[in-house]
Each structure stands twice: as C-alpha cells, then as structure tokens.
Protein backbone atom coordinates (compact mmCIF):
# COMPACT_ATOMS: atom_id res chain seq x y z
CA MET A 1 -5.24 -24.39 0.06
CA ASN A 2 -8.03 -22.31 1.60
CA LYS A 3 -6.39 -20.17 4.29
CA LEU A 4 -8.75 -18.99 7.02
CA PHE A 5 -6.90 -15.73 7.66
CA VAL A 6 -4.37 -14.06 5.35
CA TYR A 7 -2.08 -11.17 6.28
CA GLY A 8 1.08 -9.56 4.97
CA VAL A 9 0.02 -10.06 1.33
CA ALA A 10 -2.87 -8.97 -0.86
CA VAL A 11 -6.01 -10.97 -0.15
CA GLY A 12 -8.82 -12.08 -2.42
CA GLY A 13 -11.72 -14.50 -2.67
CA ASP A 14 -13.20 -15.53 0.67
CA ASN A 15 -10.46 -13.67 2.55
CA PHE A 16 -11.53 -10.31 1.11
CA THR A 17 -14.13 -8.76 3.38
CA ASP A 18 -16.53 -5.82 3.06
CA ARG A 19 -15.31 -2.76 1.09
CA VAL A 20 -18.66 -2.82 -0.74
CA LYS A 21 -18.92 0.96 -1.01
CA GLU A 22 -15.25 1.42 -1.95
CA THR A 23 -15.48 -1.39 -4.52
CA ALA A 24 -18.52 0.17 -6.18
CA ARG A 25 -16.93 3.63 -6.35
CA LEU A 26 -13.59 2.41 -7.66
CA LYS A 27 -15.30 0.20 -10.24
CA GLN A 28 -17.27 3.21 -11.50
CA ASP A 29 -14.07 5.27 -11.66
CA PHE A 30 -12.33 2.59 -13.71
CA GLU A 31 -15.27 2.13 -16.07
CA ASN A 32 -15.65 5.89 -16.57
CA GLY A 33 -11.99 6.71 -17.20
CA GLN A 34 -11.39 8.62 -13.96
CA ASN A 35 -7.87 8.89 -12.57
CA VAL A 36 -7.77 7.76 -8.94
CA ILE A 37 -5.31 8.18 -6.07
CA LEU A 38 -5.70 5.91 -3.04
CA ILE A 39 -4.15 7.11 0.20
CA SER A 40 -4.18 5.41 3.60
CA PRO A 41 -1.75 4.05 6.20
CA ARG A 42 -0.13 0.67 5.69
CA ARG A 43 -2.12 -2.50 6.24
CA MET A 44 -5.48 -1.00 5.23
CA GLY A 45 -5.83 -3.26 2.19
CA LYS A 46 -5.28 -0.87 -0.73
CA THR A 47 -3.64 -3.50 -2.92
CA SER A 48 -6.31 -6.07 -2.04
CA LEU A 49 -9.06 -3.58 -2.90
CA VAL A 50 -7.56 -2.65 -6.27
CA ARG A 51 -6.99 -6.29 -7.24
CA HIS A 52 -10.54 -7.11 -6.17
CA VAL A 53 -11.98 -4.30 -8.31
CA LEU A 54 -9.88 -5.38 -11.29
CA SER A 55 -11.42 -8.84 -10.97
CA VAL A 56 -14.99 -7.52 -11.07
CA VAL A 57 -14.69 -4.98 -13.89
CA ASP A 58 -17.06 -6.48 -16.45
CA ASN A 59 -16.87 -3.90 -19.24
CA LYS A 60 -15.49 -5.87 -22.20
CA THR A 61 -14.01 -2.74 -23.79
CA ILE A 62 -11.67 -2.16 -20.83
CA ASP A 63 -8.21 -3.69 -20.37
CA VAL A 64 -6.73 -3.49 -16.89
CA VAL A 65 -3.01 -3.46 -16.10
CA TYR A 66 -1.41 -3.82 -12.67
CA LEU A 67 2.24 -3.32 -11.76
CA ASP A 68 4.15 -2.96 -8.50
CA ILE A 69 7.18 -0.66 -8.74
CA TYR A 70 8.54 -1.24 -5.23
CA ASP A 71 11.83 -2.54 -6.61
CA CYS A 72 12.31 0.29 -9.13
CA ARG A 73 15.23 2.52 -8.15
CA SER A 74 15.65 4.63 -11.28
CA GLU A 75 13.67 6.29 -14.04
CA TYR A 76 14.46 3.70 -16.73
CA GLU A 77 13.88 0.78 -14.36
CA PHE A 78 10.37 2.17 -14.08
CA TYR A 79 9.97 2.56 -17.85
CA ASN A 80 11.05 -1.04 -18.42
CA LYS A 81 8.62 -2.39 -15.85
CA PHE A 82 5.84 -0.08 -17.07
CA ALA A 83 6.26 -1.05 -20.74
CA SER A 84 6.58 -4.77 -19.96
CA ALA A 85 3.37 -4.77 -17.90
CA ILE A 86 1.46 -2.84 -20.57
CA LEU A 87 2.59 -5.13 -23.40
CA LYS A 88 1.96 -8.38 -21.51
CA GLN A 89 -1.35 -7.53 -19.84
CA THR A 90 -3.02 -6.01 -22.90
CA ALA A 91 -2.22 -9.16 -24.89
CA ARG A 92 -4.27 -12.34 -24.99
CA ARG A 93 -1.56 -14.84 -25.98
CA SER A 94 2.23 -15.03 -26.10
CA GLU A 95 2.04 -14.50 -29.86
CA THR A 96 0.17 -11.25 -29.26
CA ILE A 97 2.79 -10.08 -26.73
CA ILE A 98 5.48 -10.54 -29.34
CA GLN A 99 3.27 -8.78 -31.89
CA ASN A 100 2.70 -5.94 -29.40
CA ILE A 101 6.46 -5.44 -29.17
CA LYS A 102 6.81 -5.47 -32.96
CA ASP A 103 3.93 -3.01 -33.38
CA PHE A 104 4.74 -0.54 -30.61
CA LEU A 105 8.43 -0.92 -29.66
CA SER A 106 9.91 -2.08 -32.94
CA ARG A 107 13.41 -0.74 -32.22
CA LEU A 108 13.90 -3.29 -29.41
CA SER A 109 15.21 -6.85 -29.45
CA PRO A 110 13.68 -8.15 -26.22
CA LYS A 111 14.70 -11.28 -24.36
CA ILE A 112 11.75 -13.63 -23.95
CA ALA A 113 11.89 -16.73 -21.78
CA PHE A 114 9.33 -19.47 -21.22
CA SER A 115 9.32 -21.42 -17.96
CA PRO A 116 8.91 -25.21 -18.17
CA GLU A 117 6.44 -25.01 -15.30
CA PRO A 118 2.78 -25.23 -16.38
CA ASN A 119 0.65 -22.10 -16.04
CA SER A 120 3.72 -19.93 -15.39
CA GLU A 121 4.05 -16.51 -16.99
CA MET A 122 6.35 -15.71 -19.85
CA SER A 123 9.31 -13.54 -18.86
CA VAL A 124 9.92 -10.45 -21.00
CA SER A 125 13.09 -8.38 -20.63
CA LEU A 126 12.91 -5.25 -22.78
CA GLU A 127 16.16 -3.56 -21.71
CA ILE A 128 14.95 -0.13 -22.79
CA THR A 129 17.60 2.62 -22.65
CA PRO A 130 17.48 6.32 -23.60
CA LYS A 131 19.17 5.41 -26.89
CA GLU A 132 16.15 3.41 -28.06
CA TYR A 133 13.21 5.36 -26.65
CA SER A 134 12.61 8.66 -24.91
CA PRO A 135 10.59 8.75 -21.67
CA GLU A 136 7.69 10.39 -23.49
CA GLU A 137 7.51 7.56 -26.03
CA ILE A 138 7.32 4.93 -23.28
CA LEU A 139 4.77 6.90 -21.25
CA GLN A 140 2.61 7.22 -24.37
CA LEU A 141 2.64 3.44 -24.98
CA PRO A 142 -0.73 2.57 -23.35
CA GLU A 143 -2.47 5.36 -25.25
CA LYS A 144 -1.09 4.11 -28.58
CA ILE A 145 -2.28 0.57 -27.84
CA ALA A 146 -5.69 1.74 -26.64
CA ARG A 147 -6.25 3.82 -29.78
CA LYS A 148 -5.23 1.05 -32.16
CA ARG A 149 -7.41 -1.52 -30.36
CA GLY A 150 -10.37 0.81 -29.83
CA ARG A 151 -10.30 0.10 -26.10
CA HIS A 152 -9.81 1.87 -22.77
CA ILE A 153 -6.88 0.89 -20.55
CA VAL A 154 -6.77 1.29 -16.77
CA VAL A 155 -3.20 1.29 -15.43
CA CYS A 156 -2.85 0.58 -11.69
CA ILE A 157 0.57 1.37 -10.20
CA ASP A 158 1.31 0.07 -6.71
CA GLU A 159 4.04 1.61 -4.49
CA PHE A 160 3.89 4.73 -6.65
CA GLN A 161 5.74 6.73 -3.99
CA GLN A 162 8.95 5.11 -5.29
CA ILE A 163 9.15 7.75 -8.03
CA GLY A 164 9.94 10.22 -5.25
CA GLU A 165 13.22 8.35 -4.70
CA PHE A 166 14.41 8.61 -8.31
CA GLU A 167 17.30 10.87 -9.24
CA ASP A 168 15.89 14.19 -10.50
CA SER A 169 12.48 12.97 -9.32
CA LEU A 170 10.69 16.27 -9.86
CA ASN A 171 11.60 16.29 -13.54
CA VAL A 172 10.50 12.65 -13.90
CA GLN A 173 7.14 13.50 -12.35
CA LYS A 174 6.72 16.43 -14.75
CA LYS A 175 7.29 14.12 -17.73
CA MET A 176 4.73 11.63 -16.43
CA ARG A 177 2.09 14.24 -15.70
CA GLY A 178 2.73 16.04 -18.99
CA VAL A 179 2.03 12.89 -21.04
CA TRP A 180 -0.62 11.18 -18.92
CA GLN A 181 -2.88 14.21 -18.48
CA LEU A 182 -3.43 14.44 -22.24
CA GLN A 183 -4.33 10.79 -22.78
CA GLU A 184 -7.97 10.20 -23.73
CA ASN A 185 -8.10 6.41 -23.71
CA VAL A 186 -6.10 5.60 -20.57
CA SER A 187 -6.74 6.27 -16.89
CA TYR A 188 -4.54 5.66 -13.88
CA CYS A 189 -4.96 4.37 -10.34
CA LEU A 190 -1.93 5.36 -8.25
CA PHE A 191 -1.38 4.12 -4.70
CA GLY A 192 1.25 2.86 -2.30
CA SER A 193 2.25 2.09 1.27
CA LYS A 194 3.88 5.32 2.43
CA LYS A 195 1.12 7.73 3.33
CA HIS A 196 3.28 10.79 4.02
CA MET A 197 5.09 10.52 0.68
CA LEU A 198 1.89 9.99 -1.30
CA THR A 199 0.24 12.90 0.46
CA ASN A 200 3.14 15.12 -0.55
CA LEU A 201 3.05 13.89 -4.17
CA PHE A 202 -0.65 14.49 -4.67
CA GLN A 203 -1.71 17.20 -2.21
CA ASN A 204 1.23 19.57 -2.36
CA LYS A 205 0.35 22.40 -4.77
CA LYS A 206 3.98 22.66 -5.83
CA MET A 207 4.15 19.06 -7.06
CA PRO A 208 3.39 17.99 -10.66
CA PHE A 209 0.73 15.42 -9.66
CA TYR A 210 -1.34 17.91 -7.66
CA GLN A 211 -5.04 17.42 -8.57
CA PHE A 212 -4.19 14.64 -11.00
CA GLY A 213 -7.28 12.62 -10.07
CA ASP A 214 -9.95 11.67 -7.57
CA ILE A 215 -8.20 11.30 -4.20
CA GLN A 216 -9.78 8.64 -2.00
CA PHE A 217 -8.72 8.11 1.61
CA LEU A 218 -9.24 4.47 2.51
CA GLN A 219 -10.76 4.14 5.98
CA PRO A 220 -10.58 1.09 8.29
CA ILE A 221 -13.25 -1.59 7.85
CA PRO A 222 -15.87 -1.08 10.60
CA THR A 223 -15.92 -3.55 13.49
CA HIS A 224 -19.46 -4.74 12.75
CA ASP A 225 -18.30 -5.99 9.35
CA TRP A 226 -15.37 -7.83 10.90
CA ILE A 227 -17.61 -9.60 13.45
CA SER A 228 -19.51 -11.74 10.95
CA PHE A 229 -16.36 -12.39 8.89
CA ILE A 230 -14.26 -13.56 11.83
CA GLN A 231 -17.04 -15.57 13.47
CA SER A 232 -17.70 -17.44 10.22
CA LYS A 233 -14.01 -18.39 9.98
CA PHE A 234 -13.94 -19.62 13.59
CA GLY A 235 -17.16 -21.51 12.93
CA GLU A 236 -15.38 -23.55 10.26
CA LYS A 237 -13.13 -24.87 13.03
CA HIS A 238 -16.03 -25.26 15.48
CA ILE A 239 -14.58 -22.63 17.79
CA SER A 240 -16.87 -20.23 19.61
CA ILE A 241 -15.91 -16.54 19.67
CA THR A 242 -18.14 -13.77 21.05
CA ASP A 243 -18.87 -10.36 19.57
CA GLU A 244 -16.98 -8.84 22.50
CA ILE A 245 -13.77 -10.74 21.74
CA VAL A 246 -13.94 -9.89 18.04
CA THR A 247 -14.49 -6.25 18.98
CA ALA A 248 -11.44 -6.41 21.25
CA ILE A 249 -9.37 -7.88 18.38
CA CYS A 250 -10.35 -4.96 16.15
CA GLN A 251 -9.81 -2.30 18.81
CA THR A 252 -6.39 -3.67 19.72
CA VAL A 253 -5.10 -3.07 16.19
CA GLU A 254 -7.35 -0.08 15.37
CA ASN A 255 -9.13 -2.09 12.65
CA GLN A 256 -6.09 -2.19 10.35
CA SER A 257 -6.99 -5.01 8.01
CA SER A 258 -3.74 -6.99 7.89
CA TYR A 259 -3.31 -6.82 11.65
CA VAL A 260 -6.93 -7.85 12.25
CA GLN A 261 -6.36 -11.00 10.22
CA GLN A 262 -3.00 -11.70 11.89
CA LEU A 263 -4.38 -11.31 15.41
CA ALA A 264 -7.49 -13.34 14.58
CA TRP A 265 -5.27 -16.16 13.30
CA ASN A 266 -3.16 -16.03 16.48
CA VAL A 267 -6.33 -16.21 18.55
CA MET A 268 -7.49 -19.25 16.60
CA LEU A 269 -4.14 -20.99 17.14
CA ASN A 270 -4.40 -20.39 20.90
CA ALA A 271 -8.08 -21.34 21.18
CA ASP A 272 -9.41 -24.64 22.49
CA GLY A 273 -13.08 -24.84 21.59
CA GLU A 274 -13.89 -21.41 23.01
CA VAL A 275 -12.06 -18.08 22.91
CA THR A 276 -11.50 -16.40 26.27
CA LYS A 277 -9.86 -13.16 27.38
CA GLU A 278 -6.76 -15.19 28.26
CA THR A 279 -6.73 -16.60 24.71
CA LEU A 280 -6.71 -13.06 23.30
CA ASP A 281 -3.95 -11.95 25.68
CA MET A 282 -1.72 -14.84 24.57
CA ALA A 283 -2.45 -14.05 20.91
CA ILE A 284 -1.45 -10.40 21.42
CA GLU A 285 1.83 -11.48 23.02
CA ASP A 286 2.49 -13.76 20.06
CA MET A 287 1.84 -10.93 17.63
CA LEU A 288 4.22 -8.58 19.45
CA SER A 289 6.89 -11.27 19.37
CA GLN A 290 6.30 -11.95 15.67
CA ASN A 291 6.81 -8.28 14.80
CA SER A 292 9.61 -7.54 17.24
CA SER A 293 12.49 -7.97 14.76
CA LEU A 294 10.81 -5.66 12.25
CA PHE A 295 10.19 -2.99 14.88
CA LEU A 296 13.80 -3.15 16.09
CA GLN A 297 14.94 -2.71 12.50
CA GLN A 298 12.70 0.35 12.09
CA MET A 299 14.29 1.90 15.17
CA GLU A 300 17.88 1.43 14.04
CA GLY A 301 19.85 4.66 14.14
CA LEU A 302 17.39 6.63 16.28
CA THR A 303 19.04 9.24 18.49
CA ALA A 304 18.39 9.58 22.21
CA TYR A 305 16.21 12.64 21.53
CA GLN A 306 14.12 10.72 18.97
CA MET A 307 13.67 7.81 21.40
CA ASN A 308 12.62 10.24 24.11
CA PHE A 309 10.09 11.80 21.75
CA LEU A 310 8.55 8.36 21.12
CA LYS A 311 8.40 7.76 24.88
CA ALA A 312 6.52 11.05 25.29
CA VAL A 313 3.97 10.00 22.66
CA ALA A 314 3.65 6.55 24.25
CA GLN A 315 2.90 8.18 27.61
CA GLY A 316 0.11 10.35 26.25
CA VAL A 317 1.83 13.52 25.01
CA HIS A 318 0.41 14.42 21.59
CA SER A 319 1.03 18.18 21.38
CA ASP A 320 2.87 21.09 23.03
CA PHE A 321 6.23 19.38 22.61
CA THR A 322 7.99 22.77 22.68
CA SER A 323 6.63 23.64 26.10
CA GLN A 324 9.29 23.86 28.76
CA LYS A 325 7.53 21.19 30.82
CA VAL A 326 7.59 18.57 28.05
CA LEU A 327 11.10 19.51 26.88
CA SER A 328 12.43 19.09 30.40
CA GLU A 329 10.43 16.03 31.49
CA TYR A 330 11.36 13.99 28.40
CA ASN A 331 14.79 15.49 27.72
CA LEU A 332 14.04 16.62 24.16
CA GLY A 333 16.68 19.33 23.93
CA THR A 334 15.80 22.78 22.63
CA LYS A 335 12.59 23.95 20.97
CA SER A 336 14.32 24.06 17.60
CA ASN A 337 15.06 20.34 17.97
CA ILE A 338 11.39 19.32 17.85
CA THR A 339 10.80 19.97 14.14
CA ARG A 340 13.85 17.92 13.16
CA ILE A 341 12.82 15.05 15.45
CA LYS A 342 9.28 14.95 14.06
CA THR A 343 10.49 15.09 10.45
CA VAL A 344 12.74 12.05 10.89
CA LEU A 345 10.13 10.00 12.76
CA ILE A 346 7.46 10.81 10.15
CA GLN A 347 9.83 9.80 7.33
CA LYS A 348 10.47 6.52 9.14
CA GLU A 349 6.67 6.13 9.44
CA LEU A 350 6.87 5.70 13.21
CA ILE A 351 4.56 8.63 13.88
CA GLU A 352 2.02 10.73 12.01
CA THR A 353 0.24 13.98 12.68
CA THR A 354 -3.55 14.05 12.90
CA GLY A 355 -6.27 16.36 14.17
CA LYS A 356 -5.61 14.83 17.59
CA GLY A 357 -1.92 15.65 17.42
CA VAL A 358 1.06 13.34 17.06
CA ILE A 359 0.27 9.62 17.30
CA PHE A 360 2.00 6.34 16.49
CA ALA A 361 1.46 5.36 12.85
CA ASP A 362 1.33 1.65 13.72
CA PRO A 363 -0.93 0.48 16.59
CA VAL A 364 1.01 -2.75 17.09
CA PHE A 365 4.31 -0.87 17.18
CA ALA A 366 2.72 1.38 19.80
CA LEU A 367 1.83 -1.64 21.99
CA TRP A 368 5.28 -3.14 21.53
CA PHE A 369 7.10 0.14 22.23
CA LYS A 370 5.16 0.81 25.42
CA LYS A 371 5.87 -2.70 26.68
CA THR A 372 9.53 -2.80 25.61
CA TRP A 373 10.78 0.70 26.23
CA CYS A 374 8.42 2.54 28.56
CA ALA A 375 8.67 -0.13 31.25
CA LEU A 376 12.46 0.38 31.53
C-alpha cells in the first residue's frame, strides 16, 4: 500500500523527502570509511536518512549492516544483537550465515529457526556468554569478516545512547572504543533518539567516544522543500492546499519531519476539496488529542516545582530562573532548586537548553502543555 504520509516510523521511497545534501555527505562518509555520529532531536528523520543512504550506496566492495539496540539492557545483550546482525547482513544466503558462524564464532551452537512465511527472515539466536567469547572478540568480529572477504563494512547502530544505561557503562564504552578505533576495514555510524545523552557520549572530553568520528547535527528540512512534497501528495487526492497553509503546518511543528507528516495527514483527513484555516485548526486539535496520552505519561512523577518550571517556560521565561522575580512569580523554591529541576526535565527530554535559553524540546508537547495546563 502506498501511504501518502508516514510518521512514527522510518520512511523511505516516495515518503522520503529532500535531505539531498545530507544524503550526499553521508554516502561519501560511508564509501570513504569515515566514522559518523548523527545528533538531532527526536522526529528529525535520522533513521530514515541512514536507511535511505544505505539503499543508495553503490560501491560493490562495501557491505552495510544496520541494527537497532533500543531493547538492549545489558552489555551481552548488545554483543548478541551486534554479532547476529553482522553475521546475517554480511551473508548472501542462509548457507553463508551458517558458514559465517562456523568460520568466525566456532565455539557457539546457535539456534536457527526458519519461518514458514515466504520472504521472512531467518531467526538466529547466538546466546553468547562471557564463557564463550570475550567482549573484545565480539567487537572485533566485523573486522575479521572484512579482512577475510577483502571488503569494507559499515556498521550503523541506532539508539546508540542505550549503552549509557548498561551496568558499568563507562568500562563498556572503553572496550568498544579501544577495539573499534584500531579497525582498518570497518567504519561506524552511531545515532539515536536522545539528543542530550548522545551529546554527552560524543562531546564530553571525559567520555571514551569523544572525537570518535565526524559529528553531524541534523537540521530540520526547510519549509520550501516541504511545500512541493506536501502539495504533490494532496494533488493525488485532488485537494487544493496553498503555500501559506503548508507553511503554517511546518511552522506549527517547527519543521520536525515526523510531526510535519502527521499534521499533513490530519489536514488531509479533515479537508473537503480545499484546505482552509479552519481545516488546519481541526487537524491541530486532532494531533494534540492523538499525543495526549503519551504526553501525560512523560509527565508522570513530576513535582510541583518541576510543573511550575514548565509553566514558566510556556509563558515565555527562557532564562534568569534564579532571579527573585521568577522564583517568586512561579513558585520555584530556592535558587539551588533550579539546577536540579532543569536536570530532571532535560533527562525526561521535556526541555533543552539552546542559545536562546531554555525551550521545550517538543513543539507539539509545548502546544499541548500551554492549552492543558496554562489555561487552568
């Protein structure tokens, strides 16, 4: 099925828009063996971009591997997922996957299952433990395969910030960096959805992955690129939408890719031949309602002080939170309270600090919060 607008998941094909410059740069990085770190807020399309670039890499000497480690909660969960992805995605057939295991992880007796469904992937459970292989041996796996095959391997790891949650995380990171930085035939693209954690992993001089690769900050897709994309989609349904309305869609969600597609879809559902300002208003209300449960979940456990801090930001306060005026007007407690409040709200990804001061990290959450809590 050809979906007109896709959000909440990685997009590709006709639903992938623009990113021409970013695609070209990332493709060159992959084809030249450069390590890359992608950093941006949620919903900017990092996963979609990486998957798109992987699909257009045309150098026949390069193997590309993608894995998402969101569900990894420990060091050896990561090693199992890492090794399984490497073995499966550098193979051409199921027989080669089995041969890969025999050649490179011979001390294992993996569980391999085939689904009866056509075109489904083979399931490989390696069950690696410290008794069979050390971390260094597993981390060296792509380099061993690349050398034997005379190829270069690009390993793309999504939700990489999860390693920061592992027990003894700093030591795990040191092992990874120690092995990966010496590999000559493998490069890495590391990215994820938690900007503040990734920034700490890669830009903090005290962390092992400091200066590990080319850091790229993914910016929002410009409005003028969205205009032609959105109008072409509406045209397929014979619905008229002006440049001004498309611009308003983009501005409402600050050009965050997933939200642009979600709001555009809501507008289309509410449209009747022609999109009006009233159509857009109804679509925005629908979007706030659709995300309400998620936003309430994100706010669970917030203290009164933390809620008051969010209200201050919603009402235009972006700095000087320790001033007596702001402390008193918004009931934020003492000056020493402010740092603790900000730390918690940043960790929950409700706010972020920029050159303009403290702002909401999520533009739709900001709209919802102002409507739900600041009107009380």
